Amino acid sequence: MIIKRIEPLQCAKIAGTLYALLGFVIGVIFSLVALGGGLPSQGSIPFFGAVFGVGAIIILPICYGIFGFLFSLLAAAFYNVAAKLVGGLELVVE
């Protein structure tokens, strides 16, 4: 089986979703570390660690999802160009 083309938009949707889930998991870890006192207070904001920790659950999945979508869209498009030039990716399936 030879993969000659990858649909860039479909690849980007799947990768964006997976990266958003990964961002959520990392956001939860950041949140737990911040709420546990792992991040010190910064200057005049005494609850910086808590605010950052809760914000990480919202911000990280959005950022990871957007960047995962964009970069996988580019990667699939580059793959299609490279596959036309040198051939597709050959998979041996039994």
PDB file of N, CA and C in Angstrom:
ATOM      1  N   MET A   1       0.852  -1.161   0.000  1.00  0.00           N
ATOM      2  CA  MET A   1       0.000   0.000   0.000  1.00  0.00           C
ATOM      3  C   MET A   1       0.902   1.230   0.000  1.00  0.00           C
ATOM      4  N   ILE A   2       0.635   2.153  -0.894  1.00  0.00           N
ATOM      5  CA  ILE A   2       1.426   3.385  -0.980  1.00  0.00           C
ATOM      6  C   ILE A   2       0.498   4.578  -0.755  1.00  0.00           C
ATOM      7  N   ILE A   3       0.872   5.406   0.198  1.00  0.00           N
ATOM      8  CA  ILE A   3       0.107   6.620   0.472  1.00  0.00           C
ATOM      9  C   ILE A   3       0.647   7.704  -0.441  1.00  0.00           C
ATOM     10  N   LYS A   4      -0.147   8.082  -1.421  1.00  0.00           N
ATOM     11  CA  LYS A   4       0.295   9.074  -2.400  1.00  0.00           C
ATOM     12  C   LYS A   4      -0.167  10.483  -2.053  1.00  0.00           C
ATOM     13  N   ARG A   5      -1.226  10.608  -1.264  1.00  0.00           N
ATOM     14  CA  ARG A   5      -1.751  11.940  -0.941  1.00  0.00           C
ATOM     15  C   ARG A   5      -2.455  11.895   0.404  1.00  0.00           C
ATOM     16  N   ILE A   6      -2.312  12.960   1.147  1.00  0.00           N
ATOM     17  CA  ILE A   6      -3.014  13.145   2.416  1.00  0.00           C
ATOM     18  C   ILE A   6      -3.878  14.382   2.263  1.00  0.00           C
ATOM     19  N   GLU A   7      -5.153  14.278   2.604  1.00  0.00           N
ATOM     20  CA  GLU A   7      -6.036  15.439   2.544  1.00  0.00           C
ATOM     21  C   GLU A   7      -5.639  16.400   3.667  1.00  0.00           C
ATOM     22  N   PRO A   8      -5.083  17.581   3.336  1.00  0.00           N
ATOM     23  CA  PRO A   8      -4.548  18.477   4.358  1.00  0.00           C
ATOM     24  C   PRO A   8      -5.573  18.930   5.404  1.00  0.00           C
ATOM     25  N   LEU A   9      -6.778  19.284   4.980  1.00  0.00           N
ATOM     26  CA  LEU A   9      -7.762  19.794   5.946  1.00  0.00           C
ATOM     27  C   LEU A   9      -8.204  18.708   6.918  1.00  0.00           C
ATOM     28  N   GLN A  10      -8.420  17.501   6.423  1.00  0.00           N
ATOM     29  CA  GLN A  10      -8.827  16.403   7.309  1.00  0.00           C
ATOM     30  C   GLN A  10      -7.716  16.057   8.291  1.00  0.00           C
ATOM     31  N   CYS A  11      -6.484  16.036   7.799  1.00  0.00           N
ATOM     32  CA  CYS A  11      -5.335  15.779   8.663  1.00  0.00           C
ATOM     33  C   CYS A  11      -5.220  16.858   9.739  1.00  0.00           C
ATOM     34  N   ALA A  12      -5.425  18.109   9.347  1.00  0.00           N
ATOM     35  CA  ALA A  12      -5.316  19.226  10.284  1.00  0.00           C
ATOM     36  C   ALA A  12      -6.416  19.173  11.341  1.00  0.00           C
ATOM     37  N   LYS A  13      -7.630  18.786  10.965  1.00  0.00           N
ATOM     38  CA  LYS A  13      -8.727  18.689  11.942  1.00  0.00           C
ATOM     39  C   LYS A  13      -8.432  17.626  12.987  1.00  0.00           C
ATOM     40  N   ILE A  14      -7.949  16.485  12.540  1.00  0.00           N
ATOM     41  CA  ILE A  14      -7.637  15.406  13.489  1.00  0.00           C
ATOM     42  C   ILE A  14      -6.482  15.812  14.395  1.00  0.00           C
ATOM     43  N   ALA A  15      -5.414  16.345  13.802  1.00  0.00           N
ATOM     44  CA  ALA A  15      -4.246  16.732  14.593  1.00  0.00           C
ATOM     45  C   ALA A  15      -4.600  17.868  15.555  1.00  0.00           C
ATOM     46  N   GLY A  16      -5.382  18.843  15.101  1.00  0.00           N
ATOM     47  CA  GLY A  16      -5.787  19.938  15.981  1.00  0.00           C
ATOM     48  C   GLY A  16      -6.564  19.445  17.183  1.00  0.00           C
ATOM     49  N   THR A  17      -7.456  18.484  16.958  1.00  0.00           N
ATOM     50  CA  THR A  17      -8.223  17.906  18.060  1.00  0.00           C
ATOM     51  C   THR A  17      -7.319  17.166  19.037  1.00  0.00           C
ATOM     52  N   LEU A  18      -6.405  16.372  18.500  1.00  0.00           N
ATOM     53  CA  LEU A  18      -5.493  15.630  19.378  1.00  0.00           C
ATOM     54  C   LEU A  18      -4.578  16.569  20.164  1.00  0.00           C
ATOM     55  N   TYR A  19      -4.090  17.616  19.509  1.00  0.00           N
ATOM     56  CA  TYR A  19      -3.245  18.578  20.212  1.00  0.00           C
ATOM     57  C   TYR A  19      -4.033  19.361  21.260  1.00  0.00           C
ATOM     58  N   ALA A  20      -5.302  19.653  21.000  1.00  0.00           N
ATOM     59  CA  ALA A  20      -6.131  20.328  22.000  1.00  0.00           C
ATOM     60  C   ALA A  20      -6.309  19.438  23.234  1.00  0.00           C
ATOM     61  N   LEU A  21      -6.512  18.140  23.016  1.00  0.00           N
ATOM     62  CA  LEU A  21      -6.610  17.212  24.147  1.00  0.00           C
ATOM     63  C   LEU A  21      -5.299  17.147  24.920  1.00  0.00           C
ATOM     64  N   LEU A  22      -4.188  17.132  24.188  1.00  0.00           N
ATOM     65  CA  LEU A  22      -2.880  17.142  24.835  1.00  0.00           C
ATOM     66  C   LEU A  22      -2.691  18.435  25.633  1.00  0.00           C
ATOM     67  N   GLY A  23      -3.117  19.560  25.067  1.00  0.00           N
ATOM     68  CA  GLY A  23      -3.034  20.835  25.772  1.00  0.00           C
ATOM     69  C   GLY A  23      -3.859  20.844  27.045  1.00  0.00           C
ATOM     70  N   PHE A  24      -5.008  20.179  27.012  1.00  0.00           N
ATOM     71  CA  PHE A  24      -5.837  20.098  28.218  1.00  0.00           C
ATOM     72  C   PHE A  24      -5.124  19.299  29.308  1.00  0.00           C
ATOM     73  N   VAL A  25      -4.528  18.173  28.924  1.00  0.00           N
ATOM     74  CA  VAL A  25      -3.803  17.356  29.912  1.00  0.00           C
ATOM     75  C   VAL A  25      -2.644  18.143  30.505  1.00  0.00           C
ATOM     76  N   ILE A  26      -1.878  18.833  29.668  1.00  0.00           N
ATOM     77  CA  ILE A  26      -0.760  19.635  30.161  1.00  0.00           C
ATOM     78  C   ILE A  26      -1.272  20.804  30.998  1.00  0.00           C
ATOM     79  N   GLY A  27      -2.411  21.394  30.595  1.00  0.00           N
ATOM     80  CA  GLY A  27      -3.016  22.474  31.381  1.00  0.00           C
ATOM     81  C   GLY A  27      -3.422  22.010  32.772  1.00  0.00           C
ATOM     82  N   VAL A  28      -3.962  20.797  32.867  1.00  0.00           N
ATOM     83  CA  VAL A  28      -4.331  20.244  34.179  1.00  0.00           C
ATOM     84  C   VAL A  28      -3.090  20.053  35.039  1.00  0.00           C
ATOM     85  N   ILE A  29      -2.014  19.574  34.433  1.00  0.00           N
ATOM     86  CA  ILE A  29      -0.771  19.390  35.195  1.00  0.00           C
ATOM     87  C   ILE A  29      -0.240  20.737  35.684  1.00  0.00           C
ATOM     88  N   PHE A  30      -0.222  21.751  34.796  1.00  0.00           N
ATOM     89  CA  PHE A  30       0.207  23.092  35.209  1.00  0.00           C
ATOM     90  C   PHE A  30      -0.682  23.621  36.322  1.00  0.00           C
ATOM     91  N   SER A  31      -1.974  23.396  36.194  1.00  0.00           N
ATOM     92  CA  SER A  31      -2.916  23.884  37.199  1.00  0.00           C
ATOM     93  C   SER A  31      -2.655  23.246  38.557  1.00  0.00           C
ATOM     94  N   LEU A  32      -2.428  21.947  38.560  1.00  0.00           N
ATOM     95  CA  LEU A  32      -2.162  21.267  39.833  1.00  0.00           C
ATOM     96  C   LEU A  32      -0.869  21.742  40.466  1.00  0.00           C
ATOM     97  N   VAL A  33       0.146  21.952  39.644  1.00  0.00           N
ATOM     98  CA  VAL A  33       1.424  22.452  40.173  1.00  0.00           C
ATOM     99  C   VAL A  33       1.243  23.868  40.715  1.00  0.00           C
ATOM    100  N   ALA A  34       0.518  24.710  39.979  1.00  0.00           N
ATOM    101  CA  ALA A  34       0.323  26.096  40.400  1.00  0.00           C
ATOM    102  C   ALA A  34      -0.519  26.182  41.660  1.00  0.00           C
ATOM    103  N   LEU A  35      -1.587  25.417  41.713  1.00  0.00           N
ATOM    104  CA  LEU A  35      -2.450  25.456  42.895  1.00  0.00           C
ATOM    105  C   LEU A  35      -1.784  24.837  44.113  1.00  0.00           C
ATOM    106  N   GLY A  36      -0.836  23.937  43.871  1.00  0.00           N
ATOM    107  CA  GLY A  36      -0.106  23.323  44.974  1.00  0.00           C
ATOM    108  C   GLY A  36       1.028  24.193  45.494  1.00  0.00           C
ATOM    109  N   GLY A  37       1.210  25.375  44.905  1.00  0.00           N
ATOM    110  CA  GLY A  37       2.249  26.280  45.373  1.00  0.00           C
ATOM    111  C   GLY A  37       3.544  26.148  44.605  1.00  0.00           C
ATOM    112  N   GLY A  38       3.524  25.470  43.483  1.00  0.00           N
ATOM    113  CA  GLY A  38       4.731  25.283  42.694  1.00  0.00           C
ATOM    114  C   GLY A  38       5.192  26.540  41.984  1.00  0.00           C
ATOM    115  N   LEU A  39       4.285  27.485  41.750  1.00  0.00           N
ATOM    116  CA  LEU A  39       4.646  28.748  41.106  1.00  0.00           C
ATOM    117  C   LEU A  39       4.575  29.868  42.148  1.00  0.00           C
ATOM    118  N   PRO A  40       5.668  30.569  42.355  1.00  0.00           N
ATOM    119  CA  PRO A  40       5.660  31.630  43.366  1.00  0.00           C
ATOM    120  C   PRO A  40       4.857  32.846  42.909  1.00  0.00           C
ATOM    121  N   SER A  41       4.415  33.640  43.880  1.00  0.00           N
ATOM    122  CA  SER A  41       3.687  34.875  43.563  1.00  0.00           C
ATOM    123  C   SER A  41       4.622  35.860  42.897  1.00  0.00           C
ATOM    124  N   GLN A  42       4.070  36.653  41.991  1.00  0.00           N
ATOM    125  CA  GLN A  42       4.859  37.645  41.269  1.00  0.00           C
ATOM    126  C   GLN A  42       4.449  39.049  41.702  1.00  0.00           C
ATOM    127  N   GLY A  43       5.312  39.751  42.386  1.00  0.00           N
ATOM    128  CA  GLY A  43       5.109  41.151  42.725  1.00  0.00           C
ATOM    129  C   GLY A  43       3.800  41.448  43.421  1.00  0.00           C
ATOM    130  N   SER A  44       2.950  42.258  42.786  1.00  0.00           N
ATOM    131  CA  SER A  44       1.722  42.730  43.427  1.00  0.00           C
ATOM    132  C   SER A  44       0.545  41.787  43.241  1.00  0.00           C
ATOM    133  N   ILE A  45       0.724  40.683  42.554  1.00  0.00           N
ATOM    134  CA  ILE A  45      -0.381  39.739  42.360  1.00  0.00           C
ATOM    135  C   ILE A  45      -0.152  38.547  43.295  1.00  0.00           C
ATOM    136  N   PRO A  46      -0.801  38.553  44.453  1.00  0.00           N
ATOM    137  CA  PRO A  46      -0.530  37.504  45.428  1.00  0.00           C
ATOM    138  C   PRO A  46      -1.001  36.116  44.990  1.00  0.00           C
ATOM    139  N   PHE A  47      -2.020  36.041  44.146  1.00  0.00           N
ATOM    140  CA  PHE A  47      -2.541  34.747  43.729  1.00  0.00           C
ATOM    141  C   PHE A  47      -2.176  34.431  42.281  1.00  0.00           C
ATOM    142  N   PHE A  48      -0.997  34.895  41.858  1.00  0.00           N
ATOM    143  CA  PHE A  48      -0.563  34.684  40.473  1.00  0.00           C
ATOM    144  C   PHE A  48      -0.548  33.205  40.112  1.00  0.00           C
ATOM    145  N   GLY A  49      -0.031  32.386  40.995  1.00  0.00           N
ATOM    146  CA  GLY A  49       0.050  30.951  40.723  1.00  0.00           C
ATOM    147  C   GLY A  49      -1.314  30.338  40.507  1.00  0.00           C
ATOM    148  N   ALA A  50      -2.285  30.711  41.337  1.00  0.00           N
ATOM    149  CA  ALA A  50      -3.637  30.160  41.209  1.00  0.00           C
ATOM    150  C   ALA A  50      -4.308  30.646  39.926  1.00  0.00           C
ATOM    151  N   VAL A  51      -4.165  31.931  39.615  1.00  0.00           N
ATOM    152  CA  VAL A  51      -4.768  32.474  38.397  1.00  0.00           C
ATOM    153  C   VAL A  51      -4.131  31.842  37.163  1.00  0.00           C
ATOM    154  N   PHE A  52      -2.814  31.711  37.167  1.00  0.00           N
ATOM    155  CA  PHE A  52      -2.120  31.089  36.043  1.00  0.00           C
ATOM    156  C   PHE A  52      -2.530  29.631  35.895  1.00  0.00           C
ATOM    157  N   GLY A  53      -2.663  28.934  37.007  1.00  0.00           N
ATOM    158  CA  GLY A  53      -3.026  27.520  36.962  1.00  0.00           C
ATOM    159  C   GLY A  53      -4.405  27.293  36.375  1.00  0.00           C
ATOM    160  N   VAL A  54      -5.371  28.083  36.796  1.00  0.00           N
ATOM    161  CA  VAL A  54      -6.722  27.949  36.264  1.00  0.00           C
ATOM    162  C   VAL A  54      -6.761  28.400  34.810  1.00  0.00           C
ATOM    163  N   GLY A  55      -6.035  29.449  34.470  1.00  0.00           N
ATOM    164  CA  GLY A  55      -5.978  29.925  33.086  1.00  0.00           C
ATOM    165  C   GLY A  55      -5.322  28.926  32.154  1.00  0.00           C
ATOM    166  N   ALA A  56      -4.408  28.117  32.682  1.00  0.00           N
ATOM    167  CA  ALA A  56      -3.713  27.135  31.848  1.00  0.00           C
ATOM    168  C   ALA A  56      -4.676  26.093  31.297  1.00  0.00           C
ATOM    169  N   ILE A  57      -5.726  25.773  32.050  1.00  0.00           N
ATOM    170  CA  ILE A  57      -6.701  24.788  31.587  1.00  0.00           C
ATOM    171  C   ILE A  57      -7.479  25.318  30.386  1.00  0.00           C
ATOM    172  N   ILE A  58      -7.617  26.632  30.292  1.00  0.00           N
ATOM    173  CA  ILE A  58      -8.350  27.244  29.183  1.00  0.00           C
ATOM    174  C   ILE A  58      -7.412  27.611  28.031  1.00  0.00           C
ATOM    175  N   ILE A  59      -6.297  28.248  28.333  1.00  0.00           N
ATOM    176  CA  ILE A  59      -5.410  28.786  27.305  1.00  0.00           C
ATOM    177  C   ILE A  59      -4.617  27.698  26.576  1.00  0.00           C
ATOM    178  N   LEU A  60      -4.050  26.752  27.294  1.00  0.00           N
ATOM    179  CA  LEU A  60      -3.196  25.753  26.654  1.00  0.00           C
ATOM    180  C   LEU A  60      -3.930  24.891  25.622  1.00  0.00           C
ATOM    181  N   PRO A  61      -5.137  24.391  25.901  1.00  0.00           N
ATOM    182  CA  PRO A  61      -5.811  23.614  24.850  1.00  0.00           C
ATOM    183  C   PRO A  61      -6.104  24.447  23.599  1.00  0.00           C
ATOM    184  N   ILE A  62      -6.443  25.711  23.777  1.00  0.00           N
ATOM    185  CA  ILE A  62      -6.722  26.569  22.629  1.00  0.00           C
ATOM    186  C   ILE A  62      -5.448  26.780  21.811  1.00  0.00           C
ATOM    187  N   CYS A  63      -4.358  27.124  22.480  1.00  0.00           N
ATOM    188  CA  CYS A  63      -3.092  27.359  21.775  1.00  0.00           C
ATOM    189  C   CYS A  63      -2.580  26.085  21.111  1.00  0.00           C
ATOM    190  N   TYR A  64      -2.566  24.976  21.838  1.00  0.00           N
ATOM    191  CA  TYR A  64      -2.097  23.715  21.267  1.00  0.00           C
ATOM    192  C   TYR A  64      -2.966  23.321  20.082  1.00  0.00           C
ATOM    193  N   GLY A  65      -4.280  23.471  20.202  1.00  0.00           N
ATOM    194  CA  GLY A  65      -5.189  23.101  19.117  1.00  0.00           C
ATOM    195  C   GLY A  65      -4.959  23.931  17.866  1.00  0.00           C
ATOM    196  N   ILE A  66      -4.822  25.244  18.033  1.00  0.00           N
ATOM    197  CA  ILE A  66      -4.612  26.130  16.882  1.00  0.00           C
ATOM    198  C   ILE A  66      -3.275  25.837  16.201  1.00  0.00           C
ATOM    199  N   PHE A  67      -2.215  25.762  16.988  1.00  0.00           N
ATOM    200  CA  PHE A  67      -0.895  25.510  16.389  1.00  0.00           C
ATOM    201  C   PHE A  67      -0.802  24.104  15.804  1.00  0.00           C
ATOM    202  N   GLY A  68      -1.409  23.125  16.466  1.00  0.00           N
ATOM    203  CA  GLY A  68      -1.425  21.770  15.919  1.00  0.00           C
ATOM    204  C   GLY A  68      -2.163  21.718  14.597  1.00  0.00           C
ATOM    205  N   PHE A  69      -3.282  22.440  14.496  1.00  0.00           N
ATOM    206  CA  PHE A  69      -4.048  22.507  13.256  1.00  0.00           C
ATOM    207  C   PHE A  69      -3.217  23.126  12.140  1.00  0.00           C
ATOM    208  N   LEU A  70      -2.629  24.287  12.419  1.00  0.00           N
ATOM    209  CA  LEU A  70      -1.883  25.005  11.387  1.00  0.00           C
ATOM    210  C   LEU A  70      -0.650  24.250  10.905  1.00  0.00           C
ATOM    211  N   PHE A  71       0.122  23.730  11.844  1.00  0.00           N
ATOM    212  CA  PHE A  71       1.356  23.055  11.452  1.00  0.00           C
ATOM    213  C   PHE A  71       1.092  21.719  10.771  1.00  0.00           C
ATOM    214  N   SER A  72       0.053  21.002  11.172  1.00  0.00           N
ATOM    215  CA  SER A  72      -0.244  19.751  10.477  1.00  0.00           C
ATOM    216  C   SER A  72      -0.848  20.021   9.102  1.00  0.00           C
ATOM    217  N   LEU A  73      -1.552  21.136   8.942  1.00  0.00           N
ATOM    218  CA  LEU A  73      -2.046  21.534   7.628  1.00  0.00           C
ATOM    219  C   LEU A  73      -0.868  21.772   6.685  1.00  0.00           C
ATOM    220  N   LEU A  74       0.129  22.492   7.169  1.00  0.00           N
ATOM    221  CA  LEU A  74       1.337  22.721   6.378  1.00  0.00           C
ATOM    222  C   LEU A  74       2.103  21.422   6.111  1.00  0.00           C
ATOM    223  N   ALA A  75       2.214  20.585   7.120  1.00  0.00           N
ATOM    224  CA  ALA A  75       2.957  19.338   6.962  1.00  0.00           C
ATOM    225  C   ALA A  75       2.290  18.431   5.932  1.00  0.00           C
ATOM    226  N   ALA A  76       0.966  18.341   5.940  1.00  0.00           N
ATOM    227  CA  ALA A  76       0.267  17.508   4.960  1.00  0.00           C
ATOM    228  C   ALA A  76       0.432  18.074   3.550  1.00  0.00           C
ATOM    229  N   ALA A  77       0.387  19.389   3.430  1.00  0.00           N
ATOM    230  CA  ALA A  77       0.587  20.007   2.117  1.00  0.00           C
ATOM    231  C   ALA A  77       2.014  19.756   1.617  1.00  0.00           C
ATOM    232  N   PHE A  78       3.001  19.875   2.498  1.00  0.00           N
ATOM    233  CA  PHE A  78       4.386  19.592   2.115  1.00  0.00           C
ATOM    234  C   PHE A  78       4.565  18.117   1.750  1.00  0.00           C
ATOM    235  N   TYR A  79       3.892  17.232   2.488  1.00  0.00           N
ATOM    236  CA  TYR A  79       3.965  15.807   2.168  1.00  0.00           C
ATOM    237  C   TYR A  79       3.443  15.548   0.758  1.00  0.00           C
ATOM    238  N   ASN A  80       2.336  16.178   0.407  1.00  0.00           N
ATOM    239  CA  ASN A  80       1.762  15.972  -0.922  1.00  0.00           C
ATOM    240  C   ASN A  80       2.716  16.418  -2.021  1.00  0.00           C
ATOM    241  N   VAL A  81       3.402  17.519  -1.795  1.00  0.00           N
ATOM    242  CA  VAL A  81       4.387  17.995  -2.779  1.00  0.00           C
ATOM    243  C   VAL A  81       5.551  17.011  -2.867  1.00  0.00           C
ATOM    244  N   ALA A  82       6.051  16.575  -1.722  1.00  0.00           N
ATOM    245  CA  ALA A  82       7.179  15.642  -1.709  1.00  0.00           C
ATOM    246  C   ALA A  82       6.788  14.293  -2.304  1.00  0.00           C
ATOM    247  N   ALA A  83       5.570  13.841  -2.049  1.00  0.00           N
ATOM    248  CA  ALA A  83       5.118  12.556  -2.582  1.00  0.00           C
ATOM    249  C   ALA A  83       5.032  12.596  -4.100  1.00  0.00           C
ATOM    250  N   LYS A  84       4.672  13.748  -4.680  1.00  0.00           N
ATOM    251  CA  LYS A  84       4.649  13.870  -6.137  1.00  0.00           C
ATOM    252  C   LYS A  84       6.068  13.801  -6.704  1.00  0.00           C
ATOM    253  N   LEU A  85       7.023  14.350  -5.974  1.00  0.00           N
ATOM    254  CA  LEU A  85       8.399  14.388  -6.477  1.00  0.00           C
ATOM    255  C   LEU A  85       9.144  13.056  -6.335  1.00  0.00           C
ATOM    256  N   VAL A  86       9.006  12.411  -5.203  1.00  0.00           N
ATOM    257  CA  VAL A  86       9.813  11.213  -4.938  1.00  0.00           C
ATOM    258  C   VAL A  86       8.991   9.964  -4.706  1.00  0.00           C
ATOM    259  N   GLY A  87       7.698  10.047  -4.761  1.00  0.00           N
ATOM    260  CA  GLY A  87       6.849   8.878  -4.501  1.00  0.00           C
ATOM    261  C   GLY A  87       6.281   8.937  -3.101  1.00  0.00           C
ATOM    262  N   GLY A  88       5.258   8.154  -2.882  1.00  0.00           N
ATOM    263  CA  GLY A  88       4.571   8.173  -1.591  1.00  0.00           C
ATOM    264  C   GLY A  88       5.256   7.316  -0.539  1.00  0.00           C
ATOM    265  N   LEU A  89       4.632   7.278   0.596  1.00  0.00           N
ATOM    266  CA  LEU A  89       5.112   6.470   1.725  1.00  0.00           C
ATOM    267  C   LEU A  89       4.587   5.055   1.557  1.00  0.00           C
ATOM    268  N   GLU A  90       5.462   4.084   1.523  1.00  0.00           N
ATOM    269  CA  GLU A  90       5.057   2.704   1.312  1.00  0.00           C
ATOM    270  C   GLU A  90       4.859   2.010   2.649  1.00  0.00           C
ATOM    271  N   LEU A  91       3.697   1.431   2.827  1.00  0.00           N
ATOM    272  CA  LEU A  91       3.370   0.678   4.042  1.00  0.00           C
ATOM    273  C   LEU A  91       3.160  -0.775   3.676  1.00  0.00           C
ATOM    274  N   VAL A  92       3.704  -1.672   4.472  1.00  0.00           N
ATOM    275  CA  VAL A  92       3.487  -3.106   4.274  1.00  0.00           C
ATOM    276  C   VAL A  92       2.489  -3.547   5.328  1.00  0.00           C
ATOM    277  N   VAL A  93       1.316  -3.965   4.869  1.00  0.00           N
ATOM    278  CA  VAL A  93       0.247  -4.373   5.776  1.00  0.00           C
ATOM    279  C   VAL A  93      -0.040  -5.852   5.551  1.00  0.00           C
ATOM    280  N   GLU A  94      -0.072  -6.620   6.607  1.00  0.00           N
ATOM    281  CA  GLU A  94      -0.369  -8.055   6.481  1.00  0.00           C
ATOM    282  C   GLU A  94      -1.639  -8.372   7.207  1.00  0.00           C
TER     283      GLU A  94
END
